[in-house]
Amino acid sequence: MTLVSIALLAKWSILGWFAALLLLVAYRIMTDKIVIDCITCNPGSRSFSFHRGQLLLITICFAAIYVLIALSQPVGKGLPDIPTPLLAALLGSHIAFIGGKLLSR
């Protein structure tokens, strides 16, 4: 078995593991074993929190874009660097979330 085929096997094994994990989480959400009611609400109330909503959206987009970048890398090259604009968006999102929490106190 060559290094390229081992790397390809590892890649598909990891993708399969993530797919199984995603299915497990989705199943547990659908059976209410993981409660996500009002994941974007303020604690203690049912009102929508813009800061929580944008943090969730930016984090999911960041993860999806990074996975796409990593999958487009040639086999055996390792993990890619995080692009600066992507990191800045994630950092800005977290700063806005923390700032919103500090202002609401």
N, C-alpha and C. Protein backbone atom coordinates (compact mmCIF):
# COMPACT_ATOMS: atom_id res chain seq x y z
N MET A 1 0.85 -1.17 0.00
CA MET A 1 0.00 0.00 0.00
C MET A 1 0.90 1.25 0.00
N THR A 2 0.64 2.16 -0.91
CA THR A 2 1.47 3.36 -1.00
C THR A 2 0.99 4.42 -0.01
N LEU A 3 1.82 5.43 0.17
CA LEU A 3 1.46 6.51 1.08
C LEU A 3 0.22 7.26 0.61
N VAL A 4 0.08 7.42 -0.71
CA VAL A 4 -1.07 8.13 -1.25
C VAL A 4 -2.35 7.35 -0.96
N SER A 5 -2.32 6.03 -1.11
CA SER A 5 -3.52 5.24 -0.84
C SER A 5 -3.83 5.20 0.65
N ILE A 6 -2.83 5.21 1.49
CA ILE A 6 -3.06 5.27 2.94
C ILE A 6 -3.69 6.61 3.31
N ALA A 7 -3.18 7.68 2.72
CA ALA A 7 -3.73 9.01 2.99
C ALA A 7 -5.17 9.10 2.50
N LEU A 8 -5.45 8.52 1.35
CA LEU A 8 -6.80 8.53 0.81
C LEU A 8 -7.74 7.71 1.70
N LEU A 9 -7.28 6.58 2.18
CA LEU A 9 -8.07 5.77 3.10
C LEU A 9 -8.35 6.53 4.39
N ALA A 10 -7.34 7.22 4.89
CA ALA A 10 -7.51 8.01 6.12
C ALA A 10 -8.51 9.14 5.89
N LYS A 11 -8.42 9.78 4.73
CA LYS A 11 -9.34 10.88 4.41
C LYS A 11 -10.78 10.39 4.40
N TRP A 12 -11.04 9.29 3.73
CA TRP A 12 -12.41 8.78 3.64
C TRP A 12 -12.89 8.22 4.99
N SER A 13 -11.97 7.68 5.77
CA SER A 13 -12.35 7.19 7.10
C SER A 13 -12.77 8.35 8.00
N ILE A 14 -12.02 9.43 7.93
CA ILE A 14 -12.35 10.61 8.74
C ILE A 14 -13.66 11.22 8.27
N LEU A 15 -13.86 11.30 6.96
CA LEU A 15 -15.13 11.83 6.44
C LEU A 15 -16.29 10.95 6.87
N GLY A 16 -16.10 9.64 6.84
CA GLY A 16 -17.14 8.72 7.29
C GLY A 16 -17.45 8.90 8.76
N TRP A 17 -16.40 9.11 9.57
CA TRP A 17 -16.60 9.32 11.00
C TRP A 17 -17.39 10.59 11.25
N PHE A 18 -17.04 11.67 10.54
CA PHE A 18 -17.78 12.93 10.70
C PHE A 18 -19.22 12.78 10.23
N ALA A 19 -19.44 12.04 9.16
CA ALA A 19 -20.81 11.81 8.68
C ALA A 19 -21.62 11.04 9.72
N ALA A 20 -21.01 10.02 10.32
CA ALA A 20 -21.70 9.25 11.36
C ALA A 20 -21.98 10.13 12.57
N LEU A 21 -21.04 10.97 12.95
CA LEU A 21 -21.24 11.89 14.07
C LEU A 21 -22.38 12.86 13.77
N LEU A 22 -22.41 13.39 12.56
CA LEU A 22 -23.47 14.31 12.16
C LEU A 22 -24.83 13.62 12.21
N LEU A 23 -24.90 12.38 11.73
CA LEU A 23 -26.16 11.64 11.78
C LEU A 23 -26.59 11.37 13.22
N LEU A 24 -25.65 11.05 14.08
CA LEU A 24 -25.96 10.80 15.48
C LEU A 24 -26.50 12.06 16.16
N VAL A 25 -25.85 13.18 15.93
CA VAL A 25 -26.31 14.44 16.52
C VAL A 25 -27.69 14.81 15.97
N ALA A 26 -27.89 14.64 14.67
CA ALA A 26 -29.20 14.95 14.07
C ALA A 26 -30.28 14.05 14.66
N TYR A 27 -29.98 12.78 14.85
CA TYR A 27 -30.95 11.85 15.44
C TYR A 27 -31.29 12.27 16.87
N ARG A 28 -30.28 12.62 17.64
CA ARG A 28 -30.53 13.02 19.03
C ARG A 28 -31.28 14.34 19.14
N ILE A 29 -31.06 15.23 18.18
CA ILE A 29 -31.83 16.48 18.15
C ILE A 29 -33.29 16.16 17.83
N MET A 30 -33.53 15.27 16.86
CA MET A 30 -34.90 14.94 16.47
C MET A 30 -35.65 14.18 17.56
N THR A 31 -34.94 13.44 18.40
CA THR A 31 -35.59 12.70 19.49
C THR A 31 -35.54 13.46 20.80
N ASP A 32 -35.20 14.73 20.76
CA ASP A 32 -35.15 15.63 21.93
C ASP A 32 -34.19 15.19 23.02
N LYS A 33 -33.17 14.44 22.66
CA LYS A 33 -32.14 14.12 23.64
C LYS A 33 -31.10 15.23 23.71
N ILE A 34 -31.00 16.01 22.64
CA ILE A 34 -30.23 17.25 22.63
C ILE A 34 -31.25 18.36 22.40
N VAL A 35 -31.41 19.22 23.37
CA VAL A 35 -32.42 20.27 23.28
C VAL A 35 -31.79 21.52 22.70
N ILE A 36 -32.33 21.97 21.58
CA ILE A 36 -31.83 23.19 20.97
C ILE A 36 -32.93 24.24 20.82
N ASP A 37 -34.01 24.04 21.60
CA ASP A 37 -35.07 25.05 21.59
C ASP A 37 -34.45 26.40 21.95
N CYS A 38 -34.66 27.34 21.13
CA CYS A 38 -34.24 28.70 21.41
C CYS A 38 -32.72 28.81 21.64
N ILE A 39 -31.95 28.18 20.77
CA ILE A 39 -30.49 28.23 20.89
C ILE A 39 -29.99 29.66 20.68
N THR A 40 -30.80 30.47 20.02
CA THR A 40 -30.41 31.86 19.78
C THR A 40 -31.18 32.84 20.66
N CYS A 41 -31.75 32.34 21.75
CA CYS A 41 -32.50 33.20 22.67
C CYS A 41 -31.61 33.66 23.82
N ASN A 42 -32.02 34.76 24.41
CA ASN A 42 -31.36 35.23 25.62
C ASN A 42 -31.63 34.24 26.75
N PRO A 43 -30.65 34.01 27.62
CA PRO A 43 -30.89 33.10 28.75
C PRO A 43 -32.02 33.61 29.65
N GLY A 44 -32.91 32.72 30.01
CA GLY A 44 -34.00 33.09 30.90
C GLY A 44 -35.19 33.72 30.21
N SER A 45 -35.11 33.90 28.89
CA SER A 45 -36.26 34.47 28.17
C SER A 45 -36.38 33.77 26.83
N ARG A 46 -37.47 34.05 26.15
CA ARG A 46 -37.67 33.45 24.83
C ARG A 46 -37.43 34.48 23.73
N SER A 47 -36.79 35.60 24.05
CA SER A 47 -36.56 36.63 23.04
C SER A 47 -35.28 36.34 22.25
N PHE A 48 -35.34 36.63 20.96
CA PHE A 48 -34.21 36.38 20.08
C PHE A 48 -33.03 37.27 20.44
N SER A 49 -31.84 36.68 20.47
CA SER A 49 -30.62 37.42 20.74
C SER A 49 -29.83 37.53 19.44
N PHE A 50 -29.69 38.76 18.93
CA PHE A 50 -28.94 38.96 17.69
C PHE A 50 -27.51 38.47 17.84
N HIS A 51 -26.90 38.72 19.00
CA HIS A 51 -25.50 38.35 19.19
C HIS A 51 -25.32 36.83 19.16
N ARG A 52 -26.24 36.09 19.76
CA ARG A 52 -26.16 34.63 19.73
C ARG A 52 -26.41 34.12 18.30
N GLY A 53 -27.36 34.73 17.62
CA GLY A 53 -27.69 34.31 16.26
C GLY A 53 -26.52 34.51 15.30
N GLN A 54 -25.90 35.68 15.35
CA GLN A 54 -24.79 35.94 14.44
C GLN A 54 -23.58 35.07 14.78
N LEU A 55 -23.37 34.81 16.08
CA LEU A 55 -22.26 33.95 16.49
C LEU A 55 -22.46 32.53 15.95
N LEU A 56 -23.66 32.01 16.06
CA LEU A 56 -23.97 30.68 15.55
C LEU A 56 -23.79 30.62 14.03
N LEU A 57 -24.33 31.61 13.33
CA LEU A 57 -24.24 31.63 11.86
C LEU A 57 -22.79 31.75 11.39
N ILE A 58 -22.04 32.66 11.95
CA ILE A 58 -20.65 32.86 11.55
C ILE A 58 -19.81 31.62 11.86
N THR A 59 -20.04 31.00 13.01
CA THR A 59 -19.27 29.82 13.39
C THR A 59 -19.54 28.66 12.44
N ILE A 60 -20.81 28.45 12.08
CA ILE A 60 -21.15 27.38 11.14
C ILE A 60 -20.56 27.66 9.77
N CYS A 61 -20.65 28.90 9.31
CA CYS A 61 -20.07 29.27 8.01
C CYS A 61 -18.55 29.09 8.02
N PHE A 62 -17.90 29.51 9.11
CA PHE A 62 -16.46 29.35 9.24
C PHE A 62 -16.06 27.89 9.13
N ALA A 63 -16.75 27.03 9.86
CA ALA A 63 -16.44 25.60 9.85
C ALA A 63 -16.64 25.01 8.46
N ALA A 64 -17.74 25.37 7.81
CA ALA A 64 -18.03 24.83 6.48
C ALA A 64 -16.99 25.28 5.46
N ILE A 65 -16.63 26.55 5.49
CA ILE A 65 -15.64 27.06 4.53
C ILE A 65 -14.28 26.42 4.78
N TYR A 66 -13.89 26.28 6.04
CA TYR A 66 -12.59 25.69 6.33
C TYR A 66 -12.54 24.22 5.91
N VAL A 67 -13.63 23.50 6.12
CA VAL A 67 -13.67 22.10 5.68
C VAL A 67 -13.55 22.01 4.17
N LEU A 68 -14.23 22.89 3.45
CA LEU A 68 -14.12 22.90 1.98
C LEU A 68 -12.69 23.22 1.53
N ILE A 69 -12.06 24.17 2.20
CA ILE A 69 -10.67 24.51 1.87
C ILE A 69 -9.77 23.31 2.16
N ALA A 70 -9.97 22.65 3.28
CA ALA A 70 -9.13 21.51 3.65
C ALA A 70 -9.32 20.34 2.68
N LEU A 71 -10.56 20.12 2.24
CA LEU A 71 -10.81 19.02 1.31
C LEU A 71 -10.27 19.31 -0.08
N SER A 72 -10.07 20.57 -0.42
CA SER A 72 -9.52 20.90 -1.74
C SER A 72 -8.00 20.84 -1.78
N GLN A 73 -7.38 20.65 -0.61
CA GLN A 73 -5.92 20.51 -0.53
C GLN A 73 -5.49 19.18 -1.17
N PRO A 74 -4.31 19.16 -1.77
CA PRO A 74 -3.78 17.88 -2.26
C PRO A 74 -3.54 16.91 -1.10
N VAL A 75 -3.67 15.65 -1.38
CA VAL A 75 -3.49 14.62 -0.35
C VAL A 75 -2.05 14.66 0.17
N GLY A 76 -1.91 14.61 1.47
CA GLY A 76 -0.59 14.57 2.08
C GLY A 76 0.02 15.93 2.36
N LYS A 77 -0.68 17.00 2.06
CA LYS A 77 -0.12 18.34 2.26
C LYS A 77 -0.37 18.86 3.67
N GLY A 78 -1.28 18.24 4.40
CA GLY A 78 -1.58 18.69 5.75
C GLY A 78 -2.74 19.67 5.77
N LEU A 79 -3.01 20.20 6.94
CA LEU A 79 -4.10 21.16 7.08
C LEU A 79 -3.68 22.52 6.55
N PRO A 80 -4.58 23.21 5.87
CA PRO A 80 -4.24 24.54 5.34
C PRO A 80 -4.28 25.59 6.43
N ASP A 81 -3.62 26.71 6.18
CA ASP A 81 -3.71 27.84 7.08
C ASP A 81 -5.11 28.44 6.99
N ILE A 82 -5.54 29.04 8.08
CA ILE A 82 -6.84 29.71 8.07
C ILE A 82 -6.66 31.04 7.36
N PRO A 83 -7.46 31.31 6.32
CA PRO A 83 -7.33 32.60 5.63
C PRO A 83 -7.62 33.76 6.59
N THR A 84 -6.85 34.83 6.46
CA THR A 84 -6.98 35.98 7.35
C THR A 84 -8.38 36.57 7.37
N PRO A 85 -9.05 36.78 6.22
CA PRO A 85 -10.41 37.34 6.30
C PRO A 85 -11.39 36.43 7.04
N LEU A 86 -11.22 35.14 6.90
CA LEU A 86 -12.09 34.18 7.58
C LEU A 86 -11.86 34.25 9.10
N LEU A 87 -10.60 34.32 9.49
CA LEU A 87 -10.27 34.43 10.90
C LEU A 87 -10.75 35.76 11.48
N ALA A 88 -10.65 36.83 10.69
CA ALA A 88 -11.12 38.14 11.14
C ALA A 88 -12.63 38.14 11.34
N ALA A 89 -13.36 37.46 10.46
CA ALA A 89 -14.82 37.38 10.60
C ALA A 89 -15.19 36.61 11.87
N LEU A 90 -14.49 35.52 12.13
CA LEU A 90 -14.76 34.74 13.34
C LEU A 90 -14.42 35.55 14.59
N LEU A 91 -13.29 36.22 14.58
CA LEU A 91 -12.88 37.03 15.72
C LEU A 91 -13.87 38.17 15.96
N GLY A 92 -14.28 38.84 14.87
CA GLY A 92 -15.25 39.93 15.00
C GLY A 92 -16.58 39.44 15.56
N SER A 93 -16.99 38.26 15.13
CA SER A 93 -18.24 37.68 15.63
C SER A 93 -18.16 37.40 17.11
N HIS A 94 -17.04 36.84 17.56
CA HIS A 94 -16.88 36.56 18.98
C HIS A 94 -16.79 37.85 19.80
N ILE A 95 -16.12 38.85 19.27
CA ILE A 95 -16.03 40.14 19.97
C ILE A 95 -17.42 40.77 20.10
N ALA A 96 -18.22 40.69 19.02
CA ALA A 96 -19.58 41.24 19.08
C ALA A 96 -20.42 40.49 20.11
N PHE A 97 -20.26 39.18 20.18
CA PHE A 97 -21.01 38.39 21.16
C PHE A 97 -20.63 38.77 22.58
N ILE A 98 -19.33 38.83 22.85
CA ILE A 98 -18.87 39.17 24.19
C ILE A 98 -19.23 40.61 24.53
N GLY A 99 -19.09 41.50 23.56
CA GLY A 99 -19.49 42.90 23.79
C GLY A 99 -20.96 43.03 24.10
N GLY A 100 -21.80 42.28 23.39
CA GLY A 100 -23.23 42.29 23.67
C GLY A 100 -23.56 41.78 25.06
N LYS A 101 -22.82 40.74 25.49
CA LYS A 101 -23.05 40.21 26.84
C LYS A 101 -22.63 41.24 27.89
N LEU A 102 -21.50 41.93 27.65
CA LEU A 102 -21.03 42.91 28.61
C LEU A 102 -21.98 44.10 28.70
N LEU A 103 -22.53 44.53 27.56
CA LEU A 103 -23.44 45.68 27.55
C LEU A 103 -24.78 45.33 28.19
N SER A 104 -25.18 44.07 28.15
CA SER A 104 -26.48 43.70 28.70
C SER A 104 -26.45 43.53 30.21
N ARG A 105 -25.30 43.60 30.82
CA ARG A 105 -25.20 43.42 32.28
C ARG A 105 -25.54 44.68 33.01
